[in-house]
Amino acid sequence: MNTPTAMTTAAFQLTRNPFGRLVLTTPQGDVVEDVVPVRAFPIQSPEDGISLIHTDGHEVAWVDNLAALPEPAQSLIREDLQGREFMPTILSIEGVTSFSTPCTWRVKTDRGDTSFVLRGDEDIRRVGPTILLVTDSHGIQFLIRDAATLSRESRKILDRFL
């Protein structure tokens, strides 16, 4: 296989092989099997800066903005990322067993209702001006994109831990 040098947005075609793996084809006709998309800024800018990495670890293409990429490449990258990434977004905090840690949180997420154990206040981190990352006792990370958009009751509970 001849690995091409890294190229930027839309200078390639993307398909799936019979095994479901991504295959990148350059304008020169070079074919790179087993390409994996990796977000540069998965929390703060999930649509910007996506690197297509060959399984040997070398970057073979760069996508400045995913939405600007033509179909079917855009959908293929989204599908692949969704299959590997698991970071539910908290939509509301339904209740907590205690305001001291460890405690169990009951939440509604974009992936359904769940509960998890928060070990300590330090497991809630600010990642940006509005973004919070909550890590449960098993290391699963939950995202709060903007605490101000949560219900008043959810914000009151969250404020007790910040």
N, C-alpha and C. Protein backbone atom coordinates (compact mmCIF):
# COMPACT_ATOMS: atom_id res chain seq x y z
N MET A 1 0.84 -1.17 0.00
CA MET A 1 0.00 0.00 0.00
C MET A 1 0.88 1.23 0.00
N ASN A 2 0.50 2.19 -0.77
CA ASN A 2 1.22 3.44 -0.87
C ASN A 2 0.44 4.48 -0.09
N THR A 3 0.93 4.91 1.07
CA THR A 3 0.20 5.88 1.90
C THR A 3 0.43 7.27 1.36
N PRO A 4 -0.65 7.97 0.95
CA PRO A 4 -0.50 9.33 0.44
C PRO A 4 -0.21 10.31 1.57
N THR A 5 0.34 11.45 1.20
CA THR A 5 0.54 12.49 2.20
C THR A 5 -0.82 13.05 2.59
N ALA A 6 -0.90 13.64 3.76
CA ALA A 6 -2.18 14.15 4.27
C ALA A 6 -2.73 15.23 3.35
N MET A 7 -4.03 15.21 3.14
CA MET A 7 -4.69 16.21 2.31
C MET A 7 -5.85 16.82 3.09
N THR A 8 -6.34 17.94 2.62
CA THR A 8 -7.41 18.61 3.34
C THR A 8 -8.77 18.36 2.70
N THR A 9 -9.77 18.91 3.33
CA THR A 9 -11.18 18.69 3.02
C THR A 9 -11.50 18.48 1.55
N ALA A 10 -12.28 17.45 1.30
CA ALA A 10 -12.92 17.13 0.03
C ALA A 10 -11.97 16.74 -1.09
N ALA A 11 -10.70 16.57 -0.83
CA ALA A 11 -9.77 16.15 -1.87
C ALA A 11 -9.67 14.62 -1.91
N PHE A 12 -10.75 13.95 -1.54
CA PHE A 12 -10.74 12.49 -1.50
C PHE A 12 -12.16 11.95 -1.62
N GLN A 13 -12.25 10.64 -1.84
CA GLN A 13 -13.53 9.94 -1.80
C GLN A 13 -13.48 8.94 -0.67
N LEU A 14 -14.61 8.67 -0.06
CA LEU A 14 -14.68 7.74 1.06
C LEU A 14 -15.77 6.72 0.79
N THR A 15 -15.45 5.44 1.01
CA THR A 15 -16.41 4.35 0.83
C THR A 15 -16.19 3.35 1.96
N ARG A 16 -17.05 2.32 2.00
CA ARG A 16 -16.87 1.21 2.94
C ARG A 16 -16.51 -0.03 2.14
N ASN A 17 -15.59 -0.82 2.69
CA ASN A 17 -15.27 -2.09 2.05
C ASN A 17 -16.28 -3.15 2.54
N PRO A 18 -16.23 -4.36 2.02
CA PRO A 18 -17.19 -5.40 2.42
C PRO A 18 -17.15 -5.74 3.91
N PHE A 19 -16.07 -5.38 4.60
CA PHE A 19 -15.95 -5.65 6.03
C PHE A 19 -16.44 -4.48 6.88
N GLY A 20 -16.95 -3.43 6.24
CA GLY A 20 -17.48 -2.29 6.96
C GLY A 20 -16.44 -1.24 7.33
N ARG A 21 -15.23 -1.40 6.86
CA ARG A 21 -14.16 -0.43 7.18
C ARG A 21 -14.11 0.67 6.14
N LEU A 22 -13.69 1.85 6.57
CA LEU A 22 -13.62 2.99 5.65
C LEU A 22 -12.40 2.87 4.74
N VAL A 23 -12.61 3.24 3.48
CA VAL A 23 -11.56 3.21 2.47
C VAL A 23 -11.50 4.60 1.84
N LEU A 24 -10.32 5.22 1.86
CA LEU A 24 -10.11 6.54 1.30
C LEU A 24 -9.43 6.40 -0.06
N THR A 25 -9.94 7.12 -1.07
CA THR A 25 -9.33 7.14 -2.39
C THR A 25 -8.96 8.58 -2.70
N THR A 26 -7.69 8.80 -3.04
CA THR A 26 -7.20 10.13 -3.36
C THR A 26 -7.56 10.49 -4.80
N PRO A 27 -7.46 11.77 -5.15
CA PRO A 27 -7.70 12.17 -6.55
C PRO A 27 -6.71 11.50 -7.52
N GLN A 28 -5.54 11.11 -7.03
CA GLN A 28 -4.54 10.45 -7.86
C GLN A 28 -4.82 8.95 -8.00
N GLY A 29 -5.83 8.45 -7.29
CA GLY A 29 -6.18 7.05 -7.38
C GLY A 29 -5.57 6.16 -6.32
N ASP A 30 -4.78 6.73 -5.40
CA ASP A 30 -4.23 5.93 -4.30
C ASP A 30 -5.36 5.49 -3.38
N VAL A 31 -5.32 4.25 -2.94
CA VAL A 31 -6.36 3.70 -2.07
C VAL A 31 -5.75 3.39 -0.71
N VAL A 32 -6.39 3.90 0.34
CA VAL A 32 -5.94 3.66 1.70
C VAL A 32 -7.05 2.93 2.44
N GLU A 33 -6.82 1.68 2.79
CA GLU A 33 -7.80 0.86 3.52
C GLU A 33 -7.71 1.14 5.01
N ASP A 34 -8.77 0.84 5.74
CA ASP A 34 -8.81 0.93 7.21
C ASP A 34 -8.50 2.33 7.73
N VAL A 35 -9.29 3.30 7.30
CA VAL A 35 -9.16 4.68 7.75
C VAL A 35 -10.12 4.89 8.91
N VAL A 36 -9.67 5.62 9.94
CA VAL A 36 -10.48 5.87 11.13
C VAL A 36 -10.57 7.38 11.36
N PRO A 37 -11.79 7.95 11.47
CA PRO A 37 -11.91 9.37 11.78
C PRO A 37 -11.71 9.63 13.28
N VAL A 38 -11.01 10.72 13.58
CA VAL A 38 -10.74 11.11 14.97
C VAL A 38 -11.01 12.61 15.08
N ARG A 39 -11.84 12.98 16.05
CA ARG A 39 -12.14 14.40 16.26
C ARG A 39 -10.97 15.07 16.98
N ALA A 40 -10.60 16.26 16.50
CA ALA A 40 -9.54 17.03 17.17
C ALA A 40 -10.07 17.67 18.45
N PHE A 41 -11.31 18.15 18.41
CA PHE A 41 -11.92 18.83 19.56
C PHE A 41 -13.31 18.24 19.79
N PRO A 42 -13.40 17.02 20.35
CA PRO A 42 -14.68 16.31 20.42
C PRO A 42 -15.76 16.98 21.25
N ILE A 43 -15.40 17.79 22.21
CA ILE A 43 -16.40 18.40 23.08
C ILE A 43 -16.71 19.83 22.64
N GLN A 44 -15.69 20.64 22.45
CA GLN A 44 -15.93 22.04 22.16
C GLN A 44 -16.27 22.32 20.70
N SER A 45 -15.73 21.56 19.77
CA SER A 45 -16.01 21.76 18.34
C SER A 45 -16.10 20.41 17.64
N PRO A 46 -17.15 19.64 17.90
CA PRO A 46 -17.22 18.29 17.34
C PRO A 46 -17.34 18.24 15.82
N GLU A 47 -17.77 19.32 15.19
CA GLU A 47 -17.93 19.35 13.74
C GLU A 47 -16.69 19.85 13.01
N ASP A 48 -15.75 20.42 13.75
CA ASP A 48 -14.56 21.01 13.14
C ASP A 48 -13.32 20.19 13.47
N GLY A 49 -12.43 20.08 12.51
CA GLY A 49 -11.15 19.43 12.73
C GLY A 49 -11.25 17.93 12.94
N ILE A 50 -11.46 17.20 11.86
CA ILE A 50 -11.51 15.74 11.95
C ILE A 50 -10.38 15.18 11.11
N SER A 51 -9.58 14.37 11.75
CA SER A 51 -8.44 13.75 11.09
C SER A 51 -8.82 12.33 10.68
N LEU A 52 -8.45 11.95 9.47
CA LEU A 52 -8.64 10.58 9.02
C LEU A 52 -7.29 9.89 9.14
N ILE A 53 -7.25 8.92 10.04
CA ILE A 53 -6.00 8.26 10.40
C ILE A 53 -6.01 6.84 9.86
N HIS A 54 -4.89 6.45 9.27
CA HIS A 54 -4.73 5.05 8.86
C HIS A 54 -4.42 4.24 10.11
N THR A 55 -4.74 2.97 10.11
CA THR A 55 -4.52 2.14 11.30
C THR A 55 -3.05 2.05 11.70
N ASP A 56 -2.13 2.45 10.80
CA ASP A 56 -0.72 2.48 11.18
C ASP A 56 -0.36 3.74 11.96
N GLY A 57 -1.37 4.63 12.15
CA GLY A 57 -1.16 5.83 12.97
C GLY A 57 -0.88 7.10 12.19
N HIS A 58 -0.75 7.02 10.87
CA HIS A 58 -0.46 8.21 10.08
C HIS A 58 -1.75 8.88 9.60
N GLU A 59 -1.75 10.21 9.67
CA GLU A 59 -2.89 10.97 9.16
C GLU A 59 -2.84 10.95 7.64
N VAL A 60 -3.97 10.62 7.01
CA VAL A 60 -4.02 10.59 5.55
C VAL A 60 -4.91 11.68 4.98
N ALA A 61 -5.76 12.28 5.81
CA ALA A 61 -6.60 13.39 5.35
C ALA A 61 -7.08 14.19 6.55
N TRP A 62 -7.43 15.43 6.28
CA TRP A 62 -7.94 16.35 7.30
C TRP A 62 -9.23 16.98 6.80
N VAL A 63 -10.24 17.02 7.66
CA VAL A 63 -11.52 17.64 7.33
C VAL A 63 -11.67 18.87 8.22
N ASP A 64 -11.66 20.05 7.59
CA ASP A 64 -11.80 21.29 8.36
C ASP A 64 -13.17 21.38 9.03
N ASN A 65 -14.23 21.11 8.26
CA ASN A 65 -15.59 21.20 8.78
C ASN A 65 -16.40 20.05 8.19
N LEU A 66 -16.94 19.21 9.07
CA LEU A 66 -17.65 18.02 8.62
C LEU A 66 -18.87 18.36 7.78
N ALA A 67 -19.60 19.41 8.14
CA ALA A 67 -20.81 19.79 7.41
C ALA A 67 -20.50 20.24 5.99
N ALA A 68 -19.28 20.69 5.73
CA ALA A 68 -18.90 21.15 4.39
C ALA A 68 -18.50 20.00 3.48
N LEU A 69 -18.34 18.82 4.04
CA LEU A 69 -17.92 17.66 3.26
C LEU A 69 -19.09 17.12 2.45
N PRO A 70 -18.88 16.76 1.18
CA PRO A 70 -19.99 16.23 0.38
C PRO A 70 -20.40 14.83 0.84
N GLU A 71 -21.63 14.47 0.47
CA GLU A 71 -22.11 13.11 0.73
C GLU A 71 -21.49 12.17 -0.31
N PRO A 72 -21.28 10.94 -0.05
CA PRO A 72 -21.61 10.18 1.15
C PRO A 72 -20.53 10.24 2.22
N ALA A 73 -19.41 10.93 1.95
CA ALA A 73 -18.30 10.96 2.91
C ALA A 73 -18.74 11.49 4.26
N GLN A 74 -19.56 12.55 4.27
CA GLN A 74 -20.02 13.14 5.53
C GLN A 74 -20.78 12.11 6.37
N SER A 75 -21.71 11.41 5.77
CA SER A 75 -22.49 10.41 6.50
C SER A 75 -21.63 9.25 6.97
N LEU A 76 -20.70 8.81 6.14
CA LEU A 76 -19.82 7.70 6.51
C LEU A 76 -18.98 8.05 7.73
N ILE A 77 -18.46 9.27 7.77
CA ILE A 77 -17.65 9.71 8.91
C ILE A 77 -18.52 9.81 10.16
N ARG A 78 -19.71 10.39 10.04
CA ARG A 78 -20.62 10.50 11.18
C ARG A 78 -20.98 9.12 11.75
N GLU A 79 -21.30 8.17 10.87
CA GLU A 79 -21.64 6.81 11.31
C GLU A 79 -20.48 6.17 12.06
N ASP A 80 -19.29 6.32 11.52
CA ASP A 80 -18.12 5.70 12.14
C ASP A 80 -17.83 6.32 13.51
N LEU A 81 -17.92 7.64 13.59
CA LEU A 81 -17.68 8.32 14.87
C LEU A 81 -18.74 7.91 15.90
N GLN A 82 -19.99 7.86 15.48
CA GLN A 82 -21.07 7.51 16.40
C GLN A 82 -20.91 6.09 16.93
N GLY A 83 -20.40 5.20 16.10
CA GLY A 83 -20.20 3.82 16.52
C GLY A 83 -19.10 3.65 17.55
N ARG A 84 -18.16 4.59 17.59
CA ARG A 84 -17.03 4.47 18.51
C ARG A 84 -17.13 5.39 19.72
N GLU A 85 -17.86 6.47 19.59
CA GLU A 85 -17.93 7.45 20.68
C GLU A 85 -19.17 7.20 21.52
N PHE A 86 -19.02 7.27 22.81
CA PHE A 86 -20.16 7.15 23.71
C PHE A 86 -20.01 8.20 24.78
N MET A 87 -20.73 9.30 24.62
CA MET A 87 -20.74 10.36 25.62
C MET A 87 -22.15 10.94 25.66
N PRO A 88 -23.01 10.34 26.48
CA PRO A 88 -24.39 10.84 26.55
C PRO A 88 -24.44 12.28 27.05
N THR A 89 -25.39 13.03 26.53
CA THR A 89 -25.60 14.41 26.97
C THR A 89 -26.73 14.42 27.99
N ILE A 90 -26.46 15.01 29.16
CA ILE A 90 -27.48 15.12 30.20
C ILE A 90 -28.46 16.22 29.82
N LEU A 91 -29.75 15.85 29.74
CA LEU A 91 -30.81 16.80 29.41
C LEU A 91 -31.48 17.36 30.65
N SER A 92 -31.55 16.53 31.70
CA SER A 92 -32.08 17.00 32.98
C SER A 92 -31.60 16.09 34.10
N ILE A 93 -31.48 16.67 35.29
CA ILE A 93 -31.12 15.91 36.48
C ILE A 93 -32.42 15.71 37.25
N GLU A 94 -32.85 14.46 37.35
CA GLU A 94 -34.14 14.15 37.96
C GLU A 94 -34.05 14.10 39.48
N GLY A 95 -32.89 13.74 40.00
CA GLY A 95 -32.74 13.69 41.45
C GLY A 95 -31.39 13.10 41.84
N VAL A 96 -31.02 13.31 43.09
CA VAL A 96 -29.80 12.74 43.66
C VAL A 96 -30.15 12.15 45.02
N THR A 97 -29.41 11.13 45.43
CA THR A 97 -29.71 10.49 46.71
C THR A 97 -29.21 11.32 47.88
N SER A 98 -28.21 12.18 47.63
CA SER A 98 -27.64 12.99 48.70
C SER A 98 -26.87 14.14 48.06
N PHE A 99 -26.67 15.21 48.83
CA PHE A 99 -25.86 16.31 48.32
C PHE A 99 -24.41 16.19 48.76
N SER A 100 -24.08 15.08 49.42
CA SER A 100 -22.68 14.78 49.72
C SER A 100 -22.30 13.56 48.88
N THR A 101 -21.05 13.46 48.57
CA THR A 101 -20.59 12.36 47.71
C THR A 101 -19.94 11.27 48.54
N PRO A 102 -20.01 10.04 48.07
CA PRO A 102 -20.63 9.58 46.83
C PRO A 102 -22.14 9.58 46.93
N CYS A 103 -22.77 9.78 45.78
CA CYS A 103 -24.24 9.77 45.70
C CYS A 103 -24.66 9.28 44.32
N THR A 104 -25.91 8.89 44.23
CA THR A 104 -26.44 8.40 42.96
C THR A 104 -27.28 9.48 42.30
N TRP A 105 -26.99 9.75 41.04
CA TRP A 105 -27.74 10.72 40.25
C TRP A 105 -28.71 9.97 39.34
N ARG A 106 -29.94 10.45 39.24
CA ARG A 106 -30.90 9.97 38.25
C ARG A 106 -31.03 11.07 37.20
N VAL A 107 -30.74 10.75 35.94
CA VAL A 107 -30.72 11.76 34.89
C VAL A 107 -31.46 11.28 33.64
N LYS A 108 -31.89 12.25 32.84
CA LYS A 108 -32.39 11.99 31.49
C LYS A 108 -31.28 12.42 30.55
N THR A 109 -30.95 11.54 29.61
CA THR A 109 -29.92 11.87 28.63
C THR A 109 -30.48 11.74 27.23
N ASP A 110 -29.70 12.14 26.25
CA ASP A 110 -30.11 11.98 24.86
C ASP A 110 -30.13 10.51 24.45
N ARG A 111 -29.65 9.62 25.32
CA ARG A 111 -29.65 8.18 25.06
C ARG A 111 -30.63 7.44 25.96
N GLY A 112 -31.44 8.18 26.73
CA GLY A 112 -32.43 7.56 27.62
C GLY A 112 -32.17 7.89 29.08
N ASP A 113 -33.05 7.41 29.94
CA ASP A 113 -32.92 7.63 31.38
C ASP A 113 -31.89 6.67 31.95
N THR A 114 -31.14 7.15 32.95
CA THR A 114 -30.15 6.30 33.60
C THR A 114 -29.83 6.85 34.98
N SER A 115 -29.08 6.09 35.72
CA SER A 115 -28.56 6.57 37.01
C SER A 115 -27.10 6.17 37.09
N PHE A 116 -26.35 6.94 37.84
CA PHE A 116 -24.93 6.64 38.02
C PHE A 116 -24.46 7.18 39.36
N VAL A 117 -23.31 6.70 39.79
CA VAL A 117 -22.73 7.13 41.07
C VAL A 117 -21.66 8.18 40.80
N LEU A 118 -21.82 9.33 41.44
CA LEU A 118 -20.81 10.39 41.41
C LEU A 118 -19.95 10.20 42.65
N ARG A 119 -18.66 9.94 42.45
CA ARG A 119 -17.77 9.68 43.59
C ARG A 119 -17.40 10.92 44.37
N GLY A 120 -17.16 12.02 43.64
CA GLY A 120 -16.75 13.25 44.32
C GLY A 120 -17.03 14.47 43.46
N ASP A 121 -17.02 15.64 44.10
CA ASP A 121 -17.26 16.89 43.37
C ASP A 121 -16.24 17.10 42.26
N GLU A 122 -15.04 16.56 42.44
CA GLU A 122 -13.99 16.72 41.43
C GLU A 122 -14.30 15.96 40.14
N ASP A 123 -15.32 15.11 40.16
CA ASP A 123 -15.72 14.38 38.96
C ASP A 123 -16.64 15.20 38.06
N ILE A 124 -16.87 16.47 38.42
CA ILE A 124 -17.58 17.41 37.57
C ILE A 124 -16.55 18.47 37.16
N ARG A 125 -16.23 18.50 35.87
CA ARG A 125 -15.20 19.43 35.39
C ARG A 125 -15.76 20.40 34.37
N ARG A 126 -15.29 21.64 34.44
CA ARG A 126 -15.61 22.63 33.41
C ARG A 126 -14.63 22.42 32.27
N VAL A 127 -15.17 22.32 31.05
CA VAL A 127 -14.33 22.12 29.88
C VAL A 127 -14.30 23.37 29.03
N GLY A 128 -15.27 24.22 29.18
CA GLY A 128 -15.35 25.49 28.44
C GLY A 128 -16.22 26.43 29.25
N PRO A 129 -16.55 27.56 28.68
CA PRO A 129 -17.35 28.52 29.43
C PRO A 129 -18.72 27.98 29.84
N THR A 130 -19.31 27.09 29.03
CA THR A 130 -20.65 26.58 29.35
C THR A 130 -20.68 25.06 29.46
N ILE A 131 -19.61 24.39 29.12
CA ILE A 131 -19.61 22.93 29.02
C ILE A 131 -19.08 22.28 30.30
N LEU A 132 -19.83 21.27 30.78
CA LEU A 132 -19.40 20.50 31.95
C LEU A 132 -19.28 19.04 31.55
N LEU A 133 -18.31 18.36 32.15
CA LEU A 133 -18.11 16.94 31.93
C LEU A 133 -18.25 16.25 33.28
N VAL A 134 -19.20 15.31 33.37
CA VAL A 134 -19.47 14.59 34.61
C VAL A 134 -19.03 13.14 34.40
N THR A 135 -18.15 12.65 35.27
CA THR A 135 -17.62 11.29 35.14
C THR A 135 -18.18 10.43 36.26
N ASP A 136 -18.78 9.29 35.89
CA ASP A 136 -19.35 8.42 36.91
C ASP A 136 -18.30 7.49 37.49
N SER A 137 -18.70 6.66 38.44
CA SER A 137 -17.76 5.78 39.15
C SER A 137 -17.14 4.72 38.25
N HIS A 138 -17.71 4.49 37.06
CA HIS A 138 -17.16 3.52 36.11
C HIS A 138 -16.33 4.19 35.03
N GLY A 139 -16.16 5.50 35.10
CA GLY A 139 -15.37 6.22 34.12
C GLY A 139 -16.15 6.68 32.89
N ILE A 140 -17.46 6.44 32.87
CA ILE A 140 -18.28 6.92 31.75
C ILE A 140 -18.48 8.41 31.90
N GLN A 141 -18.27 9.14 30.80
CA GLN A 141 -18.40 10.58 30.83
C GLN A 141 -19.73 11.02 30.26
N PHE A 142 -20.38 11.93 30.99
CA PHE A 142 -21.65 12.52 30.57
C PHE A 142 -21.38 14.00 30.31
N LEU A 143 -22.01 14.52 29.29
CA LEU A 143 -21.77 15.89 28.87
C LEU A 143 -22.97 16.76 29.21
N ILE A 144 -22.69 17.95 29.74
CA ILE A 144 -23.71 18.99 29.88
C ILE A 144 -23.22 20.13 29.00
N ARG A 145 -23.87 20.32 27.86
CA ARG A 145 -23.41 21.32 26.87
C ARG A 145 -23.53 22.75 27.42
N ASP A 146 -24.63 23.04 28.11
CA ASP A 146 -24.83 24.37 28.65
C ASP A 146 -25.74 24.26 29.87
N ALA A 147 -25.16 24.43 31.06
CA ALA A 147 -25.93 24.28 32.29
C ALA A 147 -27.11 25.27 32.34
N ALA A 148 -26.97 26.41 31.68
CA ALA A 148 -28.03 27.42 31.70
C ALA A 148 -29.28 26.93 30.96
N THR A 149 -29.15 25.95 30.09
CA THR A 149 -30.32 25.44 29.36
C THR A 149 -31.05 24.34 30.12
N LEU A 150 -30.48 23.88 31.23
CA LEU A 150 -31.16 22.87 32.06
C LEU A 150 -32.34 23.51 32.77
N SER A 151 -33.28 22.70 33.22
CA SER A 151 -34.42 23.21 33.97
C SER A 151 -33.93 23.85 35.27
N ARG A 152 -34.79 24.66 35.86
CA ARG A 152 -34.43 25.34 37.12
C ARG A 152 -34.09 24.33 38.21
N GLU A 153 -34.88 23.24 38.29
CA GLU A 153 -34.64 22.20 39.30
C GLU A 153 -33.30 21.51 39.08
N SER A 154 -32.99 21.23 37.82
CA SER A 154 -31.71 20.59 37.49
C SER A 154 -30.53 21.50 37.86
N ARG A 155 -30.66 22.79 37.55
CA ARG A 155 -29.59 23.75 37.88
C ARG A 155 -29.39 23.86 39.38
N LYS A 156 -30.49 23.81 40.16
CA LYS A 156 -30.37 23.89 41.62
C LYS A 156 -29.57 22.70 42.16
N ILE A 157 -29.86 21.52 41.63
CA ILE A 157 -29.12 20.32 42.06
C ILE A 157 -27.66 20.44 41.65
N LEU A 158 -27.42 20.83 40.41
CA LEU A 158 -26.05 20.93 39.91
C LEU A 158 -25.25 21.97 40.70
N ASP A 159 -25.87 23.09 41.03
CA ASP A 159 -25.18 24.15 41.78
C ASP A 159 -24.68 23.67 43.13
N ARG A 160 -25.33 22.70 43.73
CA ARG A 160 -24.90 22.17 45.03
C ARG A 160 -23.57 21.44 44.93
N PHE A 161 -23.21 21.00 43.71
CA PHE A 161 -21.98 20.23 43.52
C PHE A 161 -20.84 21.05 42.92
N LEU A 162 -21.15 22.25 42.44
CA LEU A 162 -20.10 23.08 41.81
C LEU A 162 -19.47 24.04 42.79
